[in-house]
Amino acid sequence: MQYFVEKGSVVREIWGKGDTVLFIFAGSSAEFALNKAVDWLYFTGRLPADPLGRLFSTVAYARKIVFSPLDAAYQTIDRMASIHAGVEAKRGMSIPDWAYRDVLFMLIDYSIRSFEVLERPLSLTEKTEVFEVFYRVGSRMGLKELPATYQEWLVSREEHLRRDLAMSHYTQDLFQQYQKHLGQVRYRLLLEAQILVVPDRVKELLGFRKTSLITPLLQGYKASRKFKLDWFLKSIILPSDYKKEIKDLDQKPE
């Protein structure tokens, strides 16, 4: 059976680890708030109303693509495209092509950054593999002007960071929603996780420090995984209402 992402791929390893997935969405949540197209996330009201629910919903879609046979993955991607088309029809305007690319670029970048923070440096071949998987997602969705190679993507990513991000009232409101839904302690942990993985441009716009206060704690956390204590730590980091979703974050890669 042919899979969208073949067994043994580093992409399966990345998206099979719950802590890596959490860091991917920690970084994305910071950058989403700065994106000049963030008003689209407010149009349906789903993101500000339930940012954690939206996170787990997005994880479910991404995992269906990464771990599914080819045909099932295509069906998931087509459903995503259909959902976006429905939102565009309701609003009476199209989501800009660059905004679609921005989201795809975030998934590529934070997949790499998060894995390297929590696990090990990736080789150029592995980074290229991450790019190629999400390139195929974007291509299936019909996105235009996608960079054709990982090296071209590096250039496009830097252009996006300079051109498509800005502080706005949406930025401030979204971070207020994160704080409201997480509580003060968990919110502070989110900010420190974001500092660990976001690019310098994002740090600059959000007024973040250069280094995270939780950097010294990472070795202890990594050690906890050997004793199967990481699920307990994740349950502390995330609200108890999401116990099942927290357990489901880890998926053994094949």
C-alpha atoms as a PDB file:
ATOM      1  CA  MET A   1       0.000   0.000   0.000  1.00  0.00           C
ATOM      2  CA  GLN A   2       1.296   3.442  -0.934  1.00  0.00           C
ATOM      3  CA  TYR A   3       1.253   6.088   1.799  1.00  0.00           C
ATOM      4  CA  PHE A   4       1.342   9.861   1.401  1.00  0.00           C
ATOM      5  CA  VAL A   5       4.381   9.816   3.695  1.00  0.00           C
ATOM      6  CA  GLU A   6       6.302   6.582   3.449  1.00  0.00           C
ATOM      7  CA  LYS A   7       7.069   4.492   6.541  1.00  0.00           C
ATOM      8  CA  GLY A   8      10.473   5.331   7.978  1.00  0.00           C
ATOM      9  CA  SER A   9      10.237   8.975   6.937  1.00  0.00           C
ATOM     10  CA  VAL A  10      11.540  11.614   9.336  1.00  0.00           C
ATOM     11  CA  VAL A  11       8.220  13.430   8.819  1.00  0.00           C
ATOM     12  CA  ARG A  12       6.430  10.539  10.497  1.00  0.00           C
ATOM     13  CA  GLU A  13       8.930  10.724  13.333  1.00  0.00           C
ATOM     14  CA  ILE A  14       8.343  14.457  13.760  1.00  0.00           C
ATOM     15  CA  TRP A  15       4.552  14.284  13.671  1.00  0.00           C
ATOM     16  CA  GLY A  16       4.438  11.126  15.787  1.00  0.00           C
ATOM     17  CA  LYS A  17       5.887  12.879  18.844  1.00  0.00           C
ATOM     18  CA  GLY A  18       3.380  14.781  20.962  1.00  0.00           C
ATOM     19  CA  ASP A  19       5.857  17.249  22.406  1.00  0.00           C
ATOM     20  CA  THR A  20       7.187  18.119  18.946  1.00  0.00           C
ATOM     21  CA  VAL A  21       3.636  18.695  17.707  1.00  0.00           C
ATOM     22  CA  LEU A  22       2.961  21.010  20.665  1.00  0.00           C
ATOM     23  CA  PHE A  23       6.050  23.062  19.844  1.00  0.00           C
ATOM     24  CA  ILE A  24       5.030  23.233  16.176  1.00  0.00           C
ATOM     25  CA  PHE A  25       1.738  24.799  17.201  1.00  0.00           C
ATOM     26  CA  ALA A  26       3.305  26.973  19.886  1.00  0.00           C
ATOM     27  CA  GLY A  27       5.443  28.567  17.189  1.00  0.00           C
ATOM     28  CA  SER A  28       2.596  28.728  14.697  1.00  0.00           C
ATOM     29  CA  SER A  29       0.277  30.348  17.253  1.00  0.00           C
ATOM     30  CA  ALA A  30       2.771  33.192  17.696  1.00  0.00           C
ATOM     31  CA  GLU A  31       3.258  33.736  13.980  1.00  0.00           C
ATOM     32  CA  PHE A  32      -0.459  33.331  13.154  1.00  0.00           C
ATOM     33  CA  ALA A  33      -1.160  36.272  15.435  1.00  0.00           C
ATOM     34  CA  LEU A  34       1.162  38.492  13.382  1.00  0.00           C
ATOM     35  CA  ASN A  35       0.044  37.416   9.928  1.00  0.00           C
ATOM     36  CA  LYS A  36      -1.576  40.190   7.896  1.00  0.00           C
ATOM     37  CA  ALA A  37      -4.318  37.732   6.889  1.00  0.00           C
ATOM     38  CA  VAL A  38      -5.183  36.761  10.491  1.00  0.00           C
ATOM     39  CA  ASP A  39      -8.585  38.439  10.059  1.00  0.00           C
ATOM     40  CA  TRP A  40      -9.615  35.315   8.121  1.00  0.00           C
ATOM     41  CA  LEU A  41      -9.184  33.273  11.301  1.00  0.00           C
ATOM     42  CA  TYR A  42     -11.524  35.697  13.042  1.00  0.00           C
ATOM     43  CA  PHE A  43     -14.202  35.543  10.346  1.00  0.00           C
ATOM     44  CA  THR A  44     -15.607  32.215  11.565  1.00  0.00           C
ATOM     45  CA  GLY A  45     -14.872  33.067  15.217  1.00  0.00           C
ATOM     46  CA  ARG A  46     -13.595  29.556  15.921  1.00  0.00           C
ATOM     47  CA  LEU A  47      -9.986  30.414  16.698  1.00  0.00           C
ATOM     48  CA  PRO A  48     -10.510  33.164  19.317  1.00  0.00           C
ATOM     49  CA  ALA A  49     -13.425  31.243  20.856  1.00  0.00           C
ATOM     50  CA  ASP A  50     -11.460  28.013  21.371  1.00  0.00           C
ATOM     51  CA  PRO A  51      -7.755  28.231  20.451  1.00  0.00           C
ATOM     52  CA  LEU A  52      -6.928  24.865  22.077  1.00  0.00           C
ATOM     53  CA  GLY A  53      -9.796  23.083  20.355  1.00  0.00           C
ATOM     54  CA  ARG A  54      -8.616  24.564  17.075  1.00  0.00           C
ATOM     55  CA  LEU A  55      -5.092  23.302  17.787  1.00  0.00           C
ATOM     56  CA  PHE A  56      -6.216  19.718  18.318  1.00  0.00           C
ATOM     57  CA  SER A  57      -8.507  19.885  15.290  1.00  0.00           C
ATOM     58  CA  THR A  58      -5.612  21.028  13.119  1.00  0.00           C
ATOM     59  CA  VAL A  59      -3.389  18.280  14.549  1.00  0.00           C
ATOM     60  CA  ALA A  60      -6.015  15.720  13.581  1.00  0.00           C
ATOM     61  CA  TYR A  61      -6.074  16.937   9.963  1.00  0.00           C
ATOM     62  CA  ALA A  62      -2.268  17.009   9.720  1.00  0.00           C
ATOM     63  CA  ARG A  63      -1.983  13.510  11.140  1.00  0.00           C
ATOM     64  CA  LYS A  64      -4.590  12.158   8.725  1.00  0.00           C
ATOM     65  CA  ILE A  65      -2.351  13.352   5.922  1.00  0.00           C
ATOM     66  CA  VAL A  66       0.992  12.230   7.364  1.00  0.00           C
ATOM     67  CA  PHE A  67      -0.071   8.739   8.473  1.00  0.00           C
ATOM     68  CA  SER A  68      -2.730   7.821   5.871  1.00  0.00           C
ATOM     69  CA  PRO A  69      -2.605   5.845   2.642  1.00  0.00           C
ATOM     70  CA  LEU A  70      -2.273   8.063  -0.424  1.00  0.00           C
ATOM     71  CA  ASP A  71      -5.965   8.108  -1.431  1.00  0.00           C
ATOM     72  CA  ALA A  72      -7.160   8.854   2.114  1.00  0.00           C
ATOM     73  CA  ALA A  73      -4.591  11.655   2.463  1.00  0.00           C
ATOM     74  CA  TYR A  74      -5.792  13.186  -0.814  1.00  0.00           C
ATOM     75  CA  GLN A  75      -9.369  13.059   0.488  1.00  0.00           C
ATOM     76  CA  THR A  76      -8.318  14.906   3.654  1.00  0.00           C
ATOM     77  CA  ILE A  77      -6.464  17.579   1.672  1.00  0.00           C
ATOM     78  CA  ASP A  78      -9.440  17.994  -0.680  1.00  0.00           C
ATOM     79  CA  ARG A  79     -11.743  18.361   2.318  1.00  0.00           C
ATOM     80  CA  MET A  80      -9.487  21.085   3.725  1.00  0.00           C
ATOM     81  CA  ALA A  81      -9.620  22.911   0.401  1.00  0.00           C
ATOM     82  CA  SER A  82     -13.403  22.560   0.342  1.00  0.00           C
ATOM     83  CA  ILE A  83     -13.747  23.979   3.872  1.00  0.00           C
ATOM     84  CA  HIS A  84     -11.647  27.001   2.937  1.00  0.00           C
ATOM     85  CA  ALA A  85     -13.671  27.494  -0.243  1.00  0.00           C
ATOM     86  CA  GLY A  86     -16.845  27.496   1.877  1.00  0.00           C
ATOM     87  CA  VAL A  87     -15.447  30.194   4.156  1.00  0.00           C
ATOM     88  CA  GLU A  88     -14.477  32.259   1.110  1.00  0.00           C
ATOM     89  CA  ALA A  89     -18.004  31.923  -0.298  1.00  0.00           C
ATOM     90  CA  LYS A  90     -19.557  33.094   2.982  1.00  0.00           C
ATOM     91  CA  ARG A  91     -17.291  36.138   3.144  1.00  0.00           C
ATOM     92  CA  GLY A  92     -17.624  36.893  -0.553  1.00  0.00           C
ATOM     93  CA  MET A  93     -13.897  37.166  -1.173  1.00  0.00           C
ATOM     94  CA  SER A  94     -10.908  34.907  -1.662  1.00  0.00           C
ATOM     95  CA  ILE A  95      -8.188  34.111   0.844  1.00  0.00           C
ATOM     96  CA  PRO A  96      -4.996  35.548  -0.709  1.00  0.00           C
ATOM     97  CA  ASP A  97      -2.667  33.009  -2.291  1.00  0.00           C
ATOM     98  CA  TRP A  98       0.213  34.335  -0.187  1.00  0.00           C
ATOM     99  CA  ALA A  99      -1.762  33.605   2.984  1.00  0.00           C
ATOM    100  CA  TYR A 100      -2.144  29.947   2.005  1.00  0.00           C
ATOM    101  CA  ARG A 101       1.577  29.773   1.291  1.00  0.00           C
ATOM    102  CA  ASP A 102       2.345  31.380   4.647  1.00  0.00           C
ATOM    103  CA  VAL A 103       0.510  28.635   6.520  1.00  0.00           C
ATOM    104  CA  LEU A 104       2.281  25.942   4.508  1.00  0.00           C
ATOM    105  CA  PHE A 105       5.632  27.633   5.166  1.00  0.00           C
ATOM    106  CA  MET A 106       4.918  27.664   8.910  1.00  0.00           C
ATOM    107  CA  LEU A 107       4.270  23.921   8.941  1.00  0.00           C
ATOM    108  CA  ILE A 108       7.569  23.295   7.146  1.00  0.00           C
ATOM    109  CA  ASP A 109       9.608  25.660   9.290  1.00  0.00           C
ATOM    110  CA  TYR A 110       8.199  24.736  12.692  1.00  0.00           C
ATOM    111  CA  SER A 111       8.346  21.009  11.939  1.00  0.00           C
ATOM    112  CA  ILE A 112      12.086  21.425  11.462  1.00  0.00           C
ATOM    113  CA  ARG A 113      12.678  23.918  14.283  1.00  0.00           C
ATOM    114  CA  SER A 114      10.641  22.004  16.882  1.00  0.00           C
ATOM    115  CA  PHE A 115      12.268  18.658  16.155  1.00  0.00           C
ATOM    116  CA  GLU A 116      15.731  20.200  16.346  1.00  0.00           C
ATOM    117  CA  VAL A 117      14.952  21.868  19.687  1.00  0.00           C
ATOM    118  CA  LEU A 118      13.636  18.668  21.244  1.00  0.00           C
ATOM    119  CA  GLU A 119      15.585  15.926  19.460  1.00  0.00           C
ATOM    120  CA  ARG A 120      18.600  16.530  17.212  1.00  0.00           C
ATOM    121  CA  PRO A 121      19.790  18.535  14.210  1.00  0.00           C
ATOM    122  CA  LEU A 122      18.263  17.440  10.915  1.00  0.00           C
ATOM    123  CA  SER A 123      20.405  16.776   7.876  1.00  0.00           C
ATOM    124  CA  LEU A 124      19.862  18.717   4.651  1.00  0.00           C
ATOM    125  CA  THR A 125      18.312  15.567   3.175  1.00  0.00           C
ATOM    126  CA  GLU A 126      15.825  15.328   6.060  1.00  0.00           C
ATOM    127  CA  LYS A 127      14.918  19.019   5.862  1.00  0.00           C
ATOM    128  CA  THR A 128      14.358  18.598   2.145  1.00  0.00           C
ATOM    129  CA  GLU A 129      12.084  15.643   2.888  1.00  0.00           C
ATOM    130  CA  VAL A 130       9.975  17.801   5.236  1.00  0.00           C
ATOM    131  CA  PHE A 131       9.711  20.468   2.537  1.00  0.00           C
ATOM    132  CA  GLU A 132       8.743  17.962  -0.156  1.00  0.00           C
ATOM    133  CA  VAL A 133       5.925  16.443   1.933  1.00  0.00           C
ATOM    134  CA  PHE A 134       4.277  19.810   2.530  1.00  0.00           C
ATOM    135  CA  TYR A 135       4.997  20.920  -1.027  1.00  0.00           C
ATOM    136  CA  ARG A 136       2.844  18.004  -2.161  1.00  0.00           C
ATOM    137  CA  VAL A 137       0.098  19.122   0.245  1.00  0.00           C
ATOM    138  CA  GLY A 138       0.183  22.626  -1.210  1.00  0.00           C
ATOM    139  CA  SER A 139       0.303  21.337  -4.762  1.00  0.00           C
ATOM    140  CA  ARG A 140      -2.763  19.129  -4.157  1.00  0.00           C
ATOM    141  CA  MET A 141      -4.597  22.169  -2.760  1.00  0.00           C
ATOM    142  CA  GLY A 142      -3.812  24.066  -5.956  1.00  0.00           C
ATOM    143  CA  LEU A 143      -1.612  26.701  -4.355  1.00  0.00           C
ATOM    144  CA  LYS A 144       0.188  28.967  -6.796  1.00  0.00           C
ATOM    145  CA  GLU A 145       3.802  30.129  -6.954  1.00  0.00           C
ATOM    146  CA  LEU A 146       5.141  27.482  -4.590  1.00  0.00           C
ATOM    147  CA  PRO A 147       8.947  27.270  -4.413  1.00  0.00           C
ATOM    148  CA  ALA A 148      10.046  24.129  -6.221  1.00  0.00           C
ATOM    149  CA  THR A 149      13.021  23.213  -4.010  1.00  0.00           C
ATOM    150  CA  TYR A 150      14.028  23.471  -0.369  1.00  0.00           C
ATOM    151  CA  GLN A 151      16.684  26.059  -1.257  1.00  0.00           C
ATOM    152  CA  GLU A 152      14.083  28.194  -3.054  1.00  0.00           C
ATOM    153  CA  TRP A 153      11.781  27.799  -0.063  1.00  0.00           C
ATOM    154  CA  LEU A 154      14.451  29.200   2.272  1.00  0.00           C
ATOM    155  CA  VAL A 155      14.487  32.402   0.200  1.00  0.00           C
ATOM    156  CA  SER A 156      10.683  32.582   0.002  1.00  0.00           C
ATOM    157  CA  ARG A 157      10.367  32.009   3.748  1.00  0.00           C
ATOM    158  CA  GLU A 158      12.610  34.983   4.520  1.00  0.00           C
ATOM    159  CA  GLU A 159      10.641  37.161   2.105  1.00  0.00           C
ATOM    160  CA  HIS A 160       7.399  36.144   3.830  1.00  0.00           C
ATOM    161  CA  LEU A 161       8.765  36.962   7.274  1.00  0.00           C
ATOM    162  CA  ARG A 162       9.710  40.469   6.105  1.00  0.00           C
ATOM    163  CA  ARG A 163       6.569  41.156   4.048  1.00  0.00           C
ATOM    164  CA  ASP A 164       3.552  39.419   5.569  1.00  0.00           C
ATOM    165  CA  LEU A 165       3.878  39.966   9.330  1.00  0.00           C
ATOM    166  CA  ALA A 166       2.845  42.970  11.402  1.00  0.00           C
ATOM    167  CA  MET A 167       1.527  43.798  14.856  1.00  0.00           C
ATOM    168  CA  SER A 168      -2.217  44.540  14.876  1.00  0.00           C
ATOM    169  CA  HIS A 169      -5.192  44.595  17.224  1.00  0.00           C
ATOM    170  CA  TYR A 170      -5.779  40.977  16.171  1.00  0.00           C
ATOM    171  CA  THR A 171      -2.317  40.104  17.505  1.00  0.00           C
ATOM    172  CA  GLN A 172      -3.087  41.565  20.895  1.00  0.00           C
ATOM    173  CA  ASP A 173      -6.548  39.998  21.063  1.00  0.00           C
ATOM    174  CA  LEU A 174      -5.313  36.552  20.087  1.00  0.00           C
ATOM    175  CA  PHE A 175      -2.653  36.552  22.788  1.00  0.00           C
ATOM    176  CA  GLN A 176      -5.303  37.664  25.277  1.00  0.00           C
ATOM    177  CA  GLN A 177      -7.384  34.663  24.213  1.00  0.00           C
ATOM    178  CA  TYR A 178      -4.404  32.342  24.697  1.00  0.00           C
ATOM    179  CA  GLN A 179      -3.988  33.705  28.217  1.00  0.00           C
ATOM    180  CA  LYS A 180      -7.711  33.417  28.963  1.00  0.00           C
ATOM    181  CA  HIS A 181      -7.951  29.783  27.871  1.00  0.00           C
ATOM    182  CA  LEU A 182      -4.627  28.605  29.299  1.00  0.00           C
ATOM    183  CA  GLY A 183      -4.439  30.514  32.582  1.00  0.00           C
ATOM    184  CA  GLN A 184      -1.466  32.597  33.686  1.00  0.00           C
ATOM    185  CA  VAL A 185       1.063  29.819  34.400  1.00  0.00           C
ATOM    186  CA  ARG A 186       0.402  27.821  31.244  1.00  0.00           C
ATOM    187  CA  TYR A 187       0.357  31.034  29.217  1.00  0.00           C
ATOM    188  CA  ARG A 188       3.836  31.921  30.484  1.00  0.00           C
ATOM    189  CA  LEU A 189       5.029  28.443  29.463  1.00  0.00           C
ATOM    190  CA  LEU A 190       3.530  28.993  26.003  1.00  0.00           C
ATOM    191  CA  LEU A 191       5.460  32.251  25.616  1.00  0.00           C
ATOM    192  CA  GLU A 192       8.725  30.576  26.644  1.00  0.00           C
ATOM    193  CA  ALA A 193       8.103  27.714  24.182  1.00  0.00           C
ATOM    194  CA  GLN A 194       7.416  30.252  21.442  1.00  0.00           C
ATOM    195  CA  ILE A 195      10.701  32.024  22.189  1.00  0.00           C
ATOM    196  CA  LEU A 196      12.497  28.693  21.711  1.00  0.00           C
ATOM    197  CA  VAL A 197      11.238  28.064  18.179  1.00  0.00           C
ATOM    198  CA  VAL A 198      10.167  31.275  16.416  1.00  0.00           C
ATOM    199  CA  PRO A 199      12.478  33.101  13.972  1.00  0.00           C
ATOM    200  CA  ASP A 200      14.183  36.339  15.007  1.00  0.00           C
ATOM    201  CA  ARG A 201      11.728  38.431  12.946  1.00  0.00           C
ATOM    202  CA  VAL A 202       8.799  37.075  14.977  1.00  0.00           C
ATOM    203  CA  LYS A 203      10.672  37.699  18.234  1.00  0.00           C
ATOM    204  CA  GLU A 204      11.372  41.253  17.149  1.00  0.00           C
ATOM    205  CA  LEU A 205       7.744  42.049  16.299  1.00  0.00           C
ATOM    206  CA  LEU A 206       6.397  40.483  19.510  1.00  0.00           C
ATOM    207  CA  GLY A 207       9.055  42.020  21.719  1.00  0.00           C
ATOM    208  CA  PHE A 208      10.350  38.633  22.839  1.00  0.00           C
ATOM    209  CA  ARG A 209      13.688  38.012  24.524  1.00  0.00           C
ATOM    210  CA  LYS A 210      16.409  36.316  22.484  1.00  0.00           C
ATOM    211  CA  THR A 211      16.588  33.269  24.773  1.00  0.00           C
ATOM    212  CA  SER A 212      13.938  31.238  26.581  1.00  0.00           C
ATOM    213  CA  LEU A 213      13.879  30.712  30.329  1.00  0.00           C
ATOM    214  CA  ILE A 214      12.948  27.052  29.854  1.00  0.00           C
ATOM    215  CA  THR A 215      16.071  26.214  27.838  1.00  0.00           C
ATOM    216  CA  PRO A 216      17.862  24.830  30.956  1.00  0.00           C
ATOM    217  CA  LEU A 217      14.831  22.621  31.706  1.00  0.00           C
ATOM    218  CA  LEU A 218      14.841  20.871  28.339  1.00  0.00           C
ATOM    219  CA  GLN A 219      17.444  18.280  29.286  1.00  0.00           C
ATOM    220  CA  GLY A 220      15.377  17.322  32.326  1.00  0.00           C
ATOM    221  CA  TYR A 221      12.278  17.018  30.182  1.00  0.00           C
ATOM    222  CA  LYS A 222      14.084  14.853  27.641  1.00  0.00           C
ATOM    223  CA  ALA A 223      15.251  12.593  30.469  1.00  0.00           C
ATOM    224  CA  SER A 224      11.665  12.289  31.715  1.00  0.00           C
ATOM    225  CA  ARG A 225      10.660  10.631  28.447  1.00  0.00           C
ATOM    226  CA  LYS A 226      12.907   7.668  29.223  1.00  0.00           C
ATOM    227  CA  PHE A 227      10.835   7.024  32.349  1.00  0.00           C
ATOM    228  CA  LYS A 228       7.491   7.668  30.595  1.00  0.00           C
ATOM    229  CA  LEU A 229       6.890  10.797  32.692  1.00  0.00           C
ATOM    230  CA  ASP A 230       6.461  13.129  29.728  1.00  0.00           C
ATOM    231  CA  TRP A 231       2.697  12.425  29.488  1.00  0.00           C
ATOM    232  CA  PHE A 232       2.339  13.623  33.077  1.00  0.00           C
ATOM    233  CA  LEU A 233       4.284  16.792  32.280  1.00  0.00           C
ATOM    234  CA  LYS A 234       2.176  17.445  29.168  1.00  0.00           C
ATOM    235  CA  SER A 235      -0.970  17.028  31.281  1.00  0.00           C
ATOM    236  CA  ILE A 236       0.333  19.786  33.558  1.00  0.00           C
ATOM    237  CA  ILE A 237       1.106  22.059  30.619  1.00  0.00           C
ATOM    238  CA  LEU A 238      -2.338  21.639  29.038  1.00  0.00           C
ATOM    239  CA  PRO A 239      -5.758  21.947  30.742  1.00  0.00           C
ATOM    240  CA  SER A 240      -7.339  18.745  32.105  1.00  0.00           C
ATOM    241  CA  ASP A 241     -10.352  19.166  29.771  1.00  0.00           C
ATOM    242  CA  TYR A 242      -8.091  17.875  27.003  1.00  0.00           C
ATOM    243  CA  LYS A 243      -6.804  14.668  28.664  1.00  0.00           C
ATOM    244  CA  LYS A 244      -7.809  12.401  25.781  1.00  0.00           C
ATOM    245  CA  GLU A 245      -6.350  14.760  23.188  1.00  0.00           C
ATOM    246  CA  ILE A 246      -3.108  14.964  25.178  1.00  0.00           C
ATOM    247  CA  LYS A 247      -2.779  11.162  25.252  1.00  0.00           C
ATOM    248  CA  ASP A 248      -3.519  11.006  21.521  1.00  0.00           C
ATOM    249  CA  LEU A 249      -0.704  13.420  20.702  1.00  0.00           C
ATOM    250  CA  ASP A 250       1.850  10.617  20.692  1.00  0.00           C
ATOM    251  CA  GLN A 251       1.607   8.251  17.753  1.00  0.00           C
ATOM    252  CA  LYS A 252       4.266   5.639  17.238  1.00  0.00           C
ATOM    253  CA  PRO A 253       5.813   6.168  13.799  1.00  0.00           C
ATOM    254  CA  GLU A 254       6.179   3.185  11.489  1.00  0.00           C
END
